[in-house]
Amino acid sequence: MGKIIHVIEDDSDIRFIIEYVLLEADYEVITSATGKEFYEKIGIQHPELTLLDVMFPNGNGIDTCRALKKDQKTSHIPIVIMSAHTTE
């Protein structure tokens, strides 16, 4: 397996598609549907990249990005924030 990418996306269909594409590209993928689930998993395994939805239950991508960048243990992880909402 390749590098680890953690995807935080509450829409199960979008999460499935992103995970499928990344697995086909030989990445290892960790997924979370909520902020709570993400924080539980990030404490166990740090990914090489995090893909964050702008809006998800128990948090949002902007606040999560800020928290990750302030924490010394996760500040080095690149983050891509994505949204299906064009106004965001």
Protein backbone atom coordinates (compact mmCIF):
# COMPACT_ATOMS: atom_id res chain seq x y z
CA MET A 1 0.00 0.00 0.00
CA GLY A 2 0.97 3.60 -0.57
CA LYS A 3 0.80 6.66 1.59
CA ILE A 4 -2.10 7.16 3.97
CA ILE A 5 -4.82 9.69 3.16
CA HIS A 6 -7.56 10.47 5.68
CA VAL A 7 -10.87 11.58 4.14
CA ILE A 8 -13.46 13.40 6.26
CA GLU A 9 -16.75 13.50 4.36
CA ASP A 10 -20.23 13.07 5.81
CA ASP A 11 -21.94 12.15 2.52
CA SER A 12 -21.50 8.38 2.20
CA ASP A 13 -21.74 8.39 -1.61
CA ILE A 14 -19.08 11.07 -2.02
CA ARG A 15 -16.91 9.39 0.62
CA PHE A 16 -17.19 6.07 -1.26
CA ILE A 17 -16.20 7.62 -4.60
CA ILE A 18 -13.20 9.45 -3.13
CA GLU A 19 -12.08 6.32 -1.29
CA TYR A 20 -12.46 4.20 -4.44
CA VAL A 21 -10.41 6.60 -6.58
CA LEU A 22 -7.64 6.82 -3.97
CA LEU A 23 -7.50 3.06 -3.44
CA GLU A 24 -7.24 2.56 -7.21
CA ALA A 25 -4.28 4.99 -7.15
CA ASP A 26 -2.67 2.71 -4.52
CA TYR A 27 -3.15 4.92 -1.48
CA GLU A 28 -4.18 3.60 1.90
CA VAL A 29 -7.40 5.36 2.88
CA ILE A 30 -8.90 6.10 6.28
CA THR A 31 -12.38 7.61 6.27
CA SER A 32 -14.45 9.49 8.81
CA ALA A 33 -18.00 10.80 8.58
CA THR A 34 -17.90 13.12 11.60
CA GLY A 35 -15.44 15.34 13.41
CA LYS A 36 -15.62 13.12 16.49
CA GLU A 37 -14.74 10.03 14.45
CA PHE A 38 -11.86 11.89 12.77
CA TYR A 39 -10.32 13.03 16.07
CA GLU A 40 -10.51 9.49 17.47
CA LYS A 41 -8.69 8.09 14.43
CA ILE A 42 -6.08 10.86 14.04
CA GLY A 43 -4.91 10.12 17.59
CA ILE A 44 -4.07 6.57 16.52
CA GLN A 45 -2.61 7.00 13.05
CA HIS A 46 -1.31 10.14 11.34
CA PRO A 47 -1.90 10.32 7.58
CA GLU A 48 0.40 11.88 4.99
CA LEU A 49 -2.54 13.96 3.70
CA THR A 50 -5.97 14.94 5.01
CA LEU A 51 -8.95 15.71 2.76
CA LEU A 52 -11.53 17.73 4.70
CA ASP A 53 -15.09 18.53 3.77
CA VAL A 54 -16.03 22.10 4.65
CA MET A 55 -19.13 21.02 6.56
CA PHE A 56 -19.62 17.80 8.52
CA PRO A 57 -21.32 16.72 11.77
CA ASN A 58 -19.48 17.66 14.98
CA GLY A 59 -17.31 20.29 13.31
CA ASN A 60 -16.25 21.89 10.06
CA GLY A 61 -13.22 21.79 7.84
CA ILE A 62 -11.98 25.30 8.59
CA ASP A 63 -11.94 24.80 12.37
CA THR A 64 -10.47 21.31 12.01
CA CYS A 65 -7.72 22.65 9.74
CA ARG A 66 -6.86 25.34 12.29
CA ALA A 67 -6.76 22.80 15.12
CA LEU A 68 -4.51 20.43 13.16
CA LYS A 69 -2.10 23.23 12.22
CA LYS A 70 -1.85 24.42 15.85
CA ASP A 71 -1.01 20.94 17.16
CA GLN A 72 2.70 20.06 16.94
CA LYS A 73 1.86 16.39 16.31
CA THR A 74 -0.25 17.17 13.22
CA SER A 75 0.95 20.56 11.97
CA HIS A 76 3.14 18.95 9.29
CA ILE A 77 0.24 17.10 7.61
CA PRO A 78 -0.88 18.72 4.32
CA ILE A 79 -4.60 19.47 4.17
CA VAL A 80 -6.95 19.89 1.22
CA ILE A 81 -10.35 21.40 2.03
CA MET A 82 -13.15 20.46 -0.36
CA SER A 83 -16.83 21.27 -0.71
CA ALA A 84 -19.76 20.40 -2.92
CA HIS A 85 -21.28 23.76 -1.93
CA THR A 86 -20.16 26.35 -4.46
CA THR A 87 -20.93 29.26 -2.15
CA GLU A 88 -18.51 27.94 0.48
